[in-house]
PDB file of N, CA and C in Angstrom:
ATOM      1  N   UNK A   1       0.837  -1.186   0.000  1.00  0.00           N
ATOM      2  CA  UNK A   1       0.000   0.000   0.000  1.00  0.00           C
ATOM      3  C   UNK A   1       0.877   1.243   0.000  1.00  0.00           C
ATOM      4  N   UNK A   2       0.416   2.290  -0.664  1.00  0.00           N
ATOM      5  CA  UNK A   2       1.175   3.527  -0.702  1.00  0.00           C
ATOM      6  C   UNK A   2       0.973   4.294   0.591  1.00  0.00           C
ATOM      7  N   UNK A   3       1.936   5.169   0.895  1.00  0.00           N
ATOM      8  CA  UNK A   3       1.867   5.981   2.111  1.00  0.00           C
ATOM      9  C   UNK A   3       1.148   7.312   1.879  1.00  0.00           C
ATOM     10  N   UNK A   4       0.867   7.660   0.620  1.00  0.00           N
ATOM     11  CA  UNK A   4       0.178   8.911   0.329  1.00  0.00           C
ATOM     12  C   UNK A   4      -1.196   8.907   1.004  1.00  0.00           C
ATOM     13  N   UNK A   5      -1.502   9.993   1.706  1.00  0.00           N
ATOM     14  CA  UNK A   5      -2.748  10.083   2.472  1.00  0.00           C
ATOM     15  C   UNK A   5      -3.871  10.637   1.590  1.00  0.00           C
ATOM     16  N   UNK A   6      -5.055  10.074   1.777  1.00  0.00           N
ATOM     17  CA  UNK A   6      -6.234  10.506   1.028  1.00  0.00           C
ATOM     18  C   UNK A   6      -7.387  10.642   2.005  1.00  0.00           C
ATOM     19  N   UNK A   7      -8.217  11.673   1.825  1.00  0.00           N
ATOM     20  CA  UNK A   7      -9.414  11.884   2.638  1.00  0.00           C
ATOM     21  C   UNK A   7     -10.585  12.054   1.685  1.00  0.00           C
ATOM     22  N   UNK A   8     -11.621  11.213   1.878  1.00  0.00           N
ATOM     23  CA  UNK A   8     -12.792  11.287   1.007  1.00  0.00           C
ATOM     24  C   UNK A   8     -14.079  11.284   1.825  1.00  0.00           C
ATOM     25  N   UNK A   9     -15.097  11.941   1.281  1.00  0.00           N
ATOM     26  CA  UNK A   9     -16.463  11.852   1.794  1.00  0.00           C
ATOM     27  C   UNK A   9     -17.174  10.832   0.906  1.00  0.00           C
ATOM     28  N   UNK A  10     -17.850   9.885   1.543  1.00  0.00           N
ATOM     29  CA  UNK A  10     -18.518   8.806   0.829  1.00  0.00           C
ATOM     30  C   UNK A  10     -20.006   8.833   1.184  1.00  0.00           C
ATOM     31  N   UNK A  11     -20.856   8.726   0.190  1.00  0.00           N
ATOM     32  CA  UNK A  11     -22.291   8.591   0.399  1.00  0.00           C
ATOM     33  C   UNK A  11     -22.724   7.286  -0.252  1.00  0.00           C
ATOM     34  N   UNK A  12     -23.342   6.417   0.554  1.00  0.00           N
ATOM     35  CA  UNK A  12     -23.789   5.113   0.069  1.00  0.00           C
ATOM     36  C   UNK A  12     -25.313   5.127   0.041  1.00  0.00           C
ATOM     37  N   UNK A  13     -25.882   4.755  -1.102  1.00  0.00           N
ATOM     38  CA  UNK A  13     -27.328   4.769  -1.286  1.00  0.00           C
ATOM     39  C   UNK A  13     -27.850   3.355  -1.507  1.00  0.00           C
ATOM     40  N   UNK A  14     -29.136   3.183  -1.225  1.00  0.00           N
ATOM     41  CA  UNK A  14     -29.791   1.902  -1.406  1.00  0.00           C
ATOM     42  C   UNK A  14     -30.412   1.451  -0.097  1.00  0.00           C
ATOM     43  N   UNK A  15     -30.549   0.151   0.073  1.00  0.00           N
ATOM     44  CA  UNK A  15     -31.045  -0.411   1.328  1.00  0.00           C
ATOM     45  C   UNK A  15     -29.821  -0.610   2.215  1.00  0.00           C
ATOM     46  N   UNK A  16     -29.442   0.466   2.943  1.00  0.00           N
ATOM     47  CA  UNK A  16     -28.180   0.472   3.686  1.00  0.00           C
ATOM     48  C   UNK A  16     -28.349   0.822   5.161  1.00  0.00           C
ATOM     49  N   UNK A  17     -29.581   1.040   5.607  1.00  0.00           N
ATOM     50  CA  UNK A  17     -29.824   1.283   7.032  1.00  0.00           C
ATOM     51  C   UNK A  17     -30.584   0.106   7.613  1.00  0.00           C
ATOM     52  N   UNK A  18     -30.276  -0.208   8.866  1.00  0.00           N
ATOM     53  CA  UNK A  18     -30.925  -1.325   9.530  1.00  0.00           C
ATOM     54  C   UNK A  18     -30.342  -2.681   9.146  1.00  0.00           C
ATOM     55  N   UNK A  19     -29.189  -2.664   8.477  1.00  0.00           N
ATOM     56  CA  UNK A  19     -28.544  -3.907   8.044  1.00  0.00           C
ATOM     57  C   UNK A  19     -27.115  -4.039   8.584  1.00  0.00           C
ATOM     58  N   UNK A  20     -26.721  -3.145   9.499  1.00  0.00           N
ATOM     59  CA  UNK A  20     -25.381  -3.193  10.068  1.00  0.00           C
ATOM     60  C   UNK A  20     -24.303  -2.543   9.222  1.00  0.00           C
ATOM     61  N   UNK A  21     -24.704  -1.644   8.331  1.00  0.00           N
ATOM     62  CA  UNK A  21     -23.726  -1.025   7.429  1.00  0.00           C
ATOM     63  C   UNK A  21     -22.698  -0.199   8.194  1.00  0.00           C
ATOM     64  N   UNK A  22     -23.133   0.555   9.199  1.00  0.00           N
ATOM     65  CA  UNK A  22     -22.170   1.384   9.952  1.00  0.00           C
ATOM     66  C   UNK A  22     -21.168   0.516  10.701  1.00  0.00           C
ATOM     67  N   UNK A  23     -21.639  -0.520  11.376  1.00  0.00           N
ATOM     68  CA  UNK A  23     -20.726  -1.404  12.118  1.00  0.00           C
ATOM     69  C   UNK A  23     -19.769  -2.120  11.163  1.00  0.00           C
ATOM     70  N   UNK A  24     -20.276  -2.553  10.016  1.00  0.00           N
ATOM     71  CA  UNK A  24     -19.434  -3.188   9.003  1.00  0.00           C
ATOM     72  C   UNK A  24     -18.349  -2.219   8.528  1.00  0.00           C
ATOM     73  N   UNK A  25     -18.750  -0.962   8.277  1.00  0.00           N
ATOM     74  CA  UNK A  25     -17.798   0.051   7.823  1.00  0.00           C
ATOM     75  C   UNK A  25     -16.714   0.278   8.869  1.00  0.00           C
ATOM     76  N   UNK A  26     -17.117   0.354  10.133  1.00  0.00           N
ATOM     77  CA  UNK A  26     -16.144   0.559  11.202  1.00  0.00           C
ATOM     78  C   UNK A  26     -15.155  -0.610  11.269  1.00  0.00           C
ATOM     79  N   UNK A  27     -15.641  -1.842  11.181  1.00  0.00           N
ATOM     80  CA  UNK A  27     -14.740  -3.017  11.205  1.00  0.00           C
ATOM     81  C   UNK A  27     -13.764  -2.982  10.031  1.00  0.00           C
ATOM     82  N   UNK A  28     -14.283  -2.686   8.841  1.00  0.00           N
ATOM     83  CA  UNK A  28     -13.417  -2.631   7.658  1.00  0.00           C
ATOM     84  C   UNK A  28     -12.388  -1.510   7.775  1.00  0.00           C
ATOM     85  N   UNK A  29     -12.803  -0.370   8.304  1.00  0.00           N
ATOM     86  CA  UNK A  29     -11.877   0.756   8.478  1.00  0.00           C
ATOM     87  C   UNK A  29     -10.763   0.379   9.453  1.00  0.00           C
ATOM     88  N   UNK A  30     -11.112  -0.252  10.563  1.00  0.00           N
ATOM     89  CA  UNK A  30     -10.091  -0.701  11.523  1.00  0.00           C
ATOM     90  C   UNK A  30      -9.132  -1.690  10.857  1.00  0.00           C
ATOM     91  N   UNK A  31      -9.679  -2.625  10.115  1.00  0.00           N
ATOM     92  CA  UNK A  31      -8.853  -3.639   9.441  1.00  0.00           C
ATOM     93  C   UNK A  31      -7.863  -3.003   8.471  1.00  0.00           C
ATOM     94  N   UNK A  32      -8.286  -1.931   7.797  1.00  0.00           N
ATOM     95  CA  UNK A  32      -7.460  -1.273   6.787  1.00  0.00           C
ATOM     96  C   UNK A  32      -6.622  -0.114   7.338  1.00  0.00           C
ATOM     97  N   UNK A  33      -6.776   0.204   8.618  1.00  0.00           N
ATOM     98  CA  UNK A  33      -6.002   1.305   9.205  1.00  0.00           C
ATOM     99  C   UNK A  33      -6.498   2.678   8.783  1.00  0.00           C
ATOM    100  N   UNK A  34      -7.802   2.806   8.600  1.00  0.00           N
ATOM    101  CA  UNK A  34      -8.410   4.065   8.164  1.00  0.00           C
ATOM    102  C   UNK A  34      -9.067   4.753   9.353  1.00  0.00           C
ATOM    103  N   UNK A  35      -8.880   6.064   9.458  1.00  0.00           N
ATOM    104  CA  UNK A  35      -9.578   6.850  10.480  1.00  0.00           C
ATOM    105  C   UNK A  35     -10.736   7.581   9.827  1.00  0.00           C
ATOM    106  N   UNK A  36     -11.623   8.139  10.669  1.00  0.00           N
ATOM    107  CA  UNK A  36     -12.758   8.890  10.156  1.00  0.00           C
ATOM    108  C   UNK A  36     -14.013   8.597  10.935  1.00  0.00           C
ATOM    109  N   UNK A  37     -15.144   8.629  10.238  1.00  0.00           N
ATOM    110  CA  UNK A  37     -16.441   8.412  10.879  1.00  0.00           C
ATOM    111  C   UNK A  37     -17.474   7.930   9.875  1.00  0.00           C
ATOM    112  N   UNK A  38     -18.589   7.403  10.409  1.00  0.00           N
ATOM    113  CA  UNK A  38     -19.715   6.966   9.581  1.00  0.00           C
ATOM    114  C   UNK A  38     -21.001   7.270  10.337  1.00  0.00           C
ATOM    115  N   UNK A  39     -22.050   7.639   9.607  1.00  0.00           N
ATOM    116  CA  UNK A  39     -23.354   7.907  10.223  1.00  0.00           C
ATOM    117  C   UNK A  39     -24.462   7.662   9.212  1.00  0.00           C
ATOM    118  N   UNK A  40     -25.655   7.397   9.755  1.00  0.00           N
ATOM    119  CA  UNK A  40     -26.851   7.325   8.916  1.00  0.00           C
ATOM    120  C   UNK A  40     -27.321   8.738   8.625  1.00  0.00           C
ATOM    121  N   UNK A  41     -27.927   8.915   7.466  1.00  0.00           N
ATOM    122  CA  UNK A  41     -28.565  10.180   7.125  1.00  0.00           C
ATOM    123  C   UNK A  41     -30.068   9.977   7.184  1.00  0.00           C
ATOM    124  N   UNK A  42     -30.797  11.022   7.504  1.00  0.00           N
ATOM    125  CA  UNK A  42     -32.258  10.923   7.606  1.00  0.00           C
ATOM    126  C   UNK A  42     -32.921  10.546   6.288  1.00  0.00           C
ATOM    127  N   UNK A  43     -32.242  10.781   5.169  1.00  0.00           N
ATOM    128  CA  UNK A  43     -32.811  10.452   3.864  1.00  0.00           C
ATOM    129  C   UNK A  43     -32.618   8.980   3.485  1.00  0.00           C
ATOM    130  N   UNK A  44     -32.017   8.174   4.385  1.00  0.00           N
ATOM    131  CA  UNK A  44     -31.817   6.751   4.127  1.00  0.00           C
ATOM    132  C   UNK A  44     -30.427   6.367   3.663  1.00  0.00           C
ATOM    133  N   UNK A  45     -29.585   7.354   3.358  1.00  0.00           N
ATOM    134  CA  UNK A  45     -28.215   7.085   2.943  1.00  0.00           C
ATOM    135  C   UNK A  45     -27.329   6.817   4.160  1.00  0.00           C
ATOM    136  N   UNK A  46     -26.131   6.322   3.903  1.00  0.00           N
ATOM    137  CA  UNK A  46     -25.063   6.249   4.894  1.00  0.00           C
ATOM    138  C   UNK A  46     -23.962   7.174   4.391  1.00  0.00           C
ATOM    139  N   UNK A  47     -23.428   8.003   5.286  1.00  0.00           N
ATOM    140  CA  UNK A  47     -22.385   8.968   4.934  1.00  0.00           C
ATOM    141  C   UNK A  47     -21.154   8.664   5.769  1.00  0.00           C
ATOM    142  N   UNK A  48     -19.969   8.822   5.183  1.00  0.00           N
ATOM    143  CA  UNK A  48     -18.738   8.538   5.906  1.00  0.00           C
ATOM    144  C   UNK A  48     -17.609   9.428   5.419  1.00  0.00           C
ATOM    145  N   UNK A  49     -16.619   9.579   6.279  1.00  0.00           N
ATOM    146  CA  UNK A  49     -15.336  10.182   5.911  1.00  0.00           C
ATOM    147  C   UNK A  49     -14.282   9.129   6.147  1.00  0.00           C
ATOM    148  N   UNK A  50     -13.454   8.849   5.138  1.00  0.00           N
ATOM    149  CA  UNK A  50     -12.353   7.907   5.239  1.00  0.00           C
ATOM    150  C   UNK A  50     -11.054   8.671   5.060  1.00  0.00           C
ATOM    151  N   UNK A  51     -10.097   8.445   5.965  1.00  0.00           N
ATOM    152  CA  UNK A  51      -8.783   9.084   5.861  1.00  0.00           C
ATOM    153  C   UNK A  51      -7.710   8.045   6.141  1.00  0.00           C
ATOM    154  N   UNK A  52      -6.731   7.988   5.260  1.00  0.00           N
ATOM    155  CA  UNK A  52      -5.644   7.034   5.452  1.00  0.00           C
ATOM    156  C   UNK A  52      -4.838   6.877   4.182  1.00  0.00           C
ATOM    157  N   UNK A  53      -4.035   5.817   4.130  1.00  0.00           N
ATOM    158  CA  UNK A  53      -3.253   5.565   2.920  1.00  0.00           C
ATOM    159  C   UNK A  53      -4.169   5.445   1.706  1.00  0.00           C
ATOM    160  N   UNK A  54      -3.751   6.048   0.612  1.00  0.00           N
ATOM    161  CA  UNK A  54      -4.577   6.105  -0.603  1.00  0.00           C
ATOM    162  C   UNK A  54      -5.122   4.725  -0.994  1.00  0.00           C
ATOM    163  N   UNK A  55      -4.276   3.706  -1.029  1.00  0.00           N
ATOM    164  CA  UNK A  55      -4.727   2.369  -1.443  1.00  0.00           C
ATOM    165  C   UNK A  55      -5.798   1.817  -0.507  1.00  0.00           C
ATOM    166  N   UNK A  56      -5.635   2.042   0.800  1.00  0.00           N
ATOM    167  CA  UNK A  56      -6.603   1.531   1.775  1.00  0.00           C
ATOM    168  C   UNK A  56      -7.943   2.241   1.632  1.00  0.00           C
ATOM    169  N   UNK A  57      -7.901   3.559   1.457  1.00  0.00           N
ATOM    170  CA  UNK A  57      -9.137   4.334   1.286  1.00  0.00           C
ATOM    171  C   UNK A  57      -9.865   3.895   0.021  1.00  0.00           C
ATOM    172  N   UNK A  58      -9.131   3.724  -1.055  1.00  0.00           N
ATOM    173  CA  UNK A  58      -9.753   3.290  -2.304  1.00  0.00           C
ATOM    174  C   UNK A  58     -10.331   1.881  -2.172  1.00  0.00           C
ATOM    175  N   UNK A  59      -9.660   1.010  -1.422  1.00  0.00           N
ATOM    176  CA  UNK A  59     -10.175  -0.347  -1.203  1.00  0.00           C
ATOM    177  C   UNK A  59     -11.481  -0.314  -0.411  1.00  0.00           C
ATOM    178  N   UNK A  60     -11.562   0.549   0.618  1.00  0.00           N
ATOM    179  CA  UNK A  60     -12.785   0.633   1.401  1.00  0.00           C
ATOM    180  C   UNK A  60     -13.924   1.251   0.580  1.00  0.00           C
ATOM    181  N   UNK A  61     -13.615   2.235  -0.232  1.00  0.00           N
ATOM    182  CA  UNK A  61     -14.641   2.813  -1.111  1.00  0.00           C
ATOM    183  C   UNK A  61     -15.206   1.744  -2.047  1.00  0.00           C
ATOM    184  N   UNK A  62     -14.345   0.921  -2.609  1.00  0.00           N
ATOM    185  CA  UNK A  62     -14.794  -0.148  -3.499  1.00  0.00           C
ATOM    186  C   UNK A  62     -15.610  -1.179  -2.729  1.00  0.00           C
ATOM    187  N   UNK A  63     -15.200  -1.501  -1.505  1.00  0.00           N
ATOM    188  CA  UNK A  63     -15.920  -2.486  -0.689  1.00  0.00           C
ATOM    189  C   UNK A  63     -17.316  -2.005  -0.316  1.00  0.00           C
ATOM    190  N   UNK A  64     -17.512  -0.690  -0.271  1.00  0.00           N
ATOM    191  CA  UNK A  64     -18.832  -0.145   0.063  1.00  0.00           C
ATOM    192  C   UNK A  64     -19.887  -0.564  -0.958  1.00  0.00           C
ATOM    193  N   UNK A  65     -19.500  -0.891  -2.169  1.00  0.00           N
ATOM    194  CA  UNK A  65     -20.459  -1.378  -3.166  1.00  0.00           C
ATOM    195  C   UNK A  65     -21.042  -2.728  -2.745  1.00  0.00           C
ATOM    196  N   UNK A  66     -20.284  -3.478  -1.958  1.00  0.00           N
ATOM    197  CA  UNK A  66     -20.734  -4.781  -1.466  1.00  0.00           C
ATOM    198  C   UNK A  66     -21.424  -4.614  -0.121  1.00  0.00           C
ATOM    199  N   UNK A  67     -20.737  -4.002   0.853  1.00  0.00           N
ATOM    200  CA  UNK A  67     -21.291  -3.794   2.183  1.00  0.00           C
ATOM    201  C   UNK A  67     -21.563  -5.097   2.913  1.00  0.00           C
ATOM    202  N   UNK A  68     -22.303  -5.031   4.013  1.00  0.00           N
ATOM    203  CA  UNK A  68     -22.640  -6.253   4.750  1.00  0.00           C
ATOM    204  C   UNK A  68     -23.648  -7.092   3.964  1.00  0.00           C
ATOM    205  N   UNK A  69     -23.829  -8.330   4.397  1.00  0.00           N
ATOM    206  CA  UNK A  69     -24.595  -9.298   3.605  1.00  0.00           C
ATOM    207  C   UNK A  69     -26.045  -8.901   3.321  1.00  0.00           C
ATOM    208  N   UNK A  70     -26.707  -8.171   4.204  1.00  0.00           N
ATOM    209  CA  UNK A  70     -28.118  -7.830   3.984  1.00  0.00           C
ATOM    210  C   UNK A  70     -28.324  -6.479   3.290  1.00  0.00           C
ATOM    211  N   UNK A  71     -27.245  -5.800   2.981  1.00  0.00           N
ATOM    212  CA  UNK A  71     -27.351  -4.511   2.293  1.00  0.00           C
ATOM    213  C   UNK A  71     -27.606  -4.724   0.804  1.00  0.00           C
ATOM    214  N   UNK A  72     -28.254  -3.737   0.200  1.00  0.00           N
ATOM    215  CA  UNK A  72     -28.437  -3.713  -1.245  1.00  0.00           C
ATOM    216  C   UNK A  72     -28.057  -2.306  -1.711  1.00  0.00           C
ATOM    217  N   UNK A  73     -26.832  -2.163  -2.175  1.00  0.00           N
ATOM    218  CA  UNK A  73     -26.275  -0.857  -2.519  1.00  0.00           C
ATOM    219  C   UNK A  73     -26.622  -0.501  -3.962  1.00  0.00           C
ATOM    220  N   UNK A  74     -27.175   0.706  -4.131  1.00  0.00           N
ATOM    221  CA  UNK A  74     -27.507   1.167  -5.482  1.00  0.00           C
ATOM    222  C   UNK A  74     -26.564   2.265  -5.967  1.00  0.00           C
ATOM    223  N   UNK A  75     -25.787   2.841  -5.064  1.00  0.00           N
ATOM    224  CA  UNK A  75     -24.852   3.884  -5.463  1.00  0.00           C
ATOM    225  C   UNK A  75     -23.832   4.175  -4.384  1.00  0.00           C
ATOM    226  N   UNK A  76     -22.609   4.470  -4.800  1.00  0.00           N
ATOM    227  CA  UNK A  76     -21.544   4.914  -3.907  1.00  0.00           C
ATOM    228  C   UNK A  76     -20.912   6.128  -4.554  1.00  0.00           C
ATOM    229  N   UNK A  77     -21.038   7.269  -3.885  1.00  0.00           N
ATOM    230  CA  UNK A  77     -20.491   8.517  -4.420  1.00  0.00           C
ATOM    231  C   UNK A  77     -19.347   8.967  -3.527  1.00  0.00           C
ATOM    232  N   UNK A  78     -18.218   9.322  -4.130  1.00  0.00           N
ATOM    233  CA  UNK A  78     -17.057   9.767  -3.367  1.00  0.00           C
ATOM    234  C   UNK A  78     -16.582  11.116  -3.881  1.00  0.00           C
ATOM    235  N   UNK A  79     -16.062  11.906  -2.946  1.00  0.00           N
ATOM    236  CA  UNK A  79     -15.425  13.159  -3.325  1.00  0.00           C
ATOM    237  C   UNK A  79     -14.286  13.422  -2.357  1.00  0.00           C
ATOM    238  N   UNK A  80     -13.152  13.844  -2.892  1.00  0.00           N
ATOM    239  CA  UNK A  80     -12.022  14.158  -2.026  1.00  0.00           C
ATOM    240  C   UNK A  80     -12.372  15.382  -1.201  1.00  0.00           C
ATOM    241  N   UNK A  81     -11.907  15.381   0.035  1.00  0.00           N
ATOM    242  CA  UNK A  81     -12.204  16.469   0.950  1.00  0.00           C
ATOM    243  C   UNK A  81     -10.965  16.755   1.792  1.00  0.00           C
ATOM    244  N   UNK A  82     -11.099  17.627   2.777  1.00  0.00           N
ATOM    245  CA  UNK A  82      -9.946  18.037   3.561  1.00  0.00           C
ATOM    246  C   UNK A  82      -9.985  17.593   5.006  1.00  0.00           C
ATOM    247  N   UNK A  83      -8.931  17.914   5.707  1.00  0.00           N
ATOM    248  CA  UNK A  83      -8.743  17.554   7.105  1.00  0.00           C
ATOM    249  C   UNK A  83      -9.868  18.061   7.996  1.00  0.00           C
ATOM    250  N   UNK A  84     -10.474  19.190   7.681  1.00  0.00           N
ATOM    251  CA  UNK A  84     -11.512  19.767   8.532  1.00  0.00           C
ATOM    252  C   UNK A  84     -12.706  18.830   8.699  1.00  0.00           C
ATOM    253  N   UNK A  85     -12.950  17.952   7.741  1.00  0.00           N
ATOM    254  CA  UNK A  85     -14.064  16.999   7.831  1.00  0.00           C
ATOM    255  C   UNK A  85     -13.872  16.003   8.976  1.00  0.00           C
ATOM    256  N   UNK A  86     -12.635  15.796   9.385  1.00  0.00           N
ATOM    257  CA  UNK A  86     -12.354  14.835  10.449  1.00  0.00           C
ATOM    258  C   UNK A  86     -12.570  15.424  11.832  1.00  0.00           C
ATOM    259  N   UNK A  87     -12.663  16.734  11.937  1.00  0.00           N
ATOM    260  CA  UNK A  87     -12.694  17.398  13.233  1.00  0.00           C
ATOM    261  C   UNK A  87     -13.969  17.154  14.022  1.00  0.00           C
ATOM    262  N   UNK A  88     -15.026  16.628  13.417  1.00  0.00           N
ATOM    263  CA  UNK A  88     -16.258  16.395  14.177  1.00  0.00           C
ATOM    264  C   UNK A  88     -16.237  15.067  14.912  1.00  0.00           C
ATOM    265  N   UNK A  89     -15.168  14.291  14.737  1.00  0.00           N
ATOM    266  CA  UNK A  89     -15.064  13.011  15.438  1.00  0.00           C
ATOM    267  C   UNK A  89     -13.847  13.021  16.354  1.00  0.00           C
ATOM    268  N   UNK A  90     -13.772  12.041  17.213  1.00  0.00           N
ATOM    269  CA  UNK A  90     -12.658  11.875  18.139  1.00  0.00           C
ATOM    270  C   UNK A  90     -11.628  10.982  17.468  1.00  0.00           C
ATOM    271  N   UNK A  91     -10.648  11.593  16.812  1.00  0.00           N
ATOM    272  CA  UNK A  91      -9.677  10.813  16.056  1.00  0.00           C
ATOM    273  C   UNK A  91      -8.790   9.948  16.931  1.00  0.00           C
ATOM    274  N   UNK A  92      -8.732  10.234  18.234  1.00  0.00           N
ATOM    275  CA  UNK A  92      -7.944   9.390  19.119  1.00  0.00           C
ATOM    276  C   UNK A  92      -8.523   7.978  19.136  1.00  0.00           C
ATOM    277  N   UNK A  93      -9.795   7.856  18.805  1.00  0.00           N
ATOM    278  CA  UNK A  93     -10.455   6.547  18.792  1.00  0.00           C
ATOM    279  C   UNK A  93     -10.420   5.901  17.415  1.00  0.00           C
ATOM    280  N   UNK A  94      -9.815   6.532  16.448  1.00  0.00           N
ATOM    281  CA  UNK A  94      -9.664   5.937  15.126  1.00  0.00           C
ATOM    282  C   UNK A  94     -10.837   6.154  14.207  1.00  0.00           C
ATOM    283  N   UNK A  95     -11.861   5.341  14.329  1.00  0.00           N
ATOM    284  CA  UNK A  95     -13.012   5.424  13.433  1.00  0.00           C
ATOM    285  C   UNK A  95     -14.277   5.392  14.279  1.00  0.00           C
ATOM    286  N   UNK A  96     -15.090   6.419  14.131  1.00  0.00           N
ATOM    287  CA  UNK A  96     -16.258   6.621  15.001  1.00  0.00           C
ATOM    288  C   UNK A  96     -17.590   6.368  14.302  1.00  0.00           C
ATOM    289  N   UNK A  97     -18.546   5.878  15.068  1.00  0.00           N
ATOM    290  CA  UNK A  97     -19.941   5.821  14.639  1.00  0.00           C
ATOM    291  C   UNK A  97     -20.615   7.078  15.176  1.00  0.00           C
ATOM    292  N   UNK A  98     -21.144   7.928  14.308  1.00  0.00           N
ATOM    293  CA  UNK A  98     -21.760   9.169  14.734  1.00  0.00           C
ATOM    294  C   UNK A  98     -23.283   9.068  14.713  1.00  0.00           C
ATOM    295  N   UNK A  99     -23.910  10.027  15.380  1.00  0.00           N
ATOM    296  CA  UNK A  99     -25.378  10.120  15.430  1.00  0.00           C
ATOM    297  C   UNK A  99     -25.944  10.395  14.038  1.00  0.00           C
ATOM    298  N   UNK A 100     -27.162   9.952  13.810  1.00  0.00           N
ATOM    299  CA  UNK A 100     -27.869  10.233  12.553  1.00  0.00           C
ATOM    300  C   UNK A 100     -27.999  11.738  12.376  1.00  0.00           C
ATOM    301  N   UNK A 101     -27.846  12.173  11.160  1.00  0.00           N
ATOM    302  CA  UNK A 101     -27.984  13.613  10.860  1.00  0.00           C
ATOM    303  C   UNK A 101     -28.743  13.796   9.582  1.00  0.00           C
TER     304      UNK A 101
END
């Protein structure tokens, strides 16, 4: 994996709430050494910020198309973002599950 750091905002659409998508994302992020956060959105999407080595972030973005076994993903949208997006979570804990917004 490359050491170049990448930070992206990810929006996952489809049947992605109530199926363990946030917990799955947190486990995958820990496994890949990615920091950031994930939360449900009131519109039914799941939103996340991934920060870490470029290869690991890209791997997690690709894995979001699959998600946990009961999810049915219809779209994954990513956009590069900056360090300020990470400030709403406790980075000392690595990867956080945030409240629905």
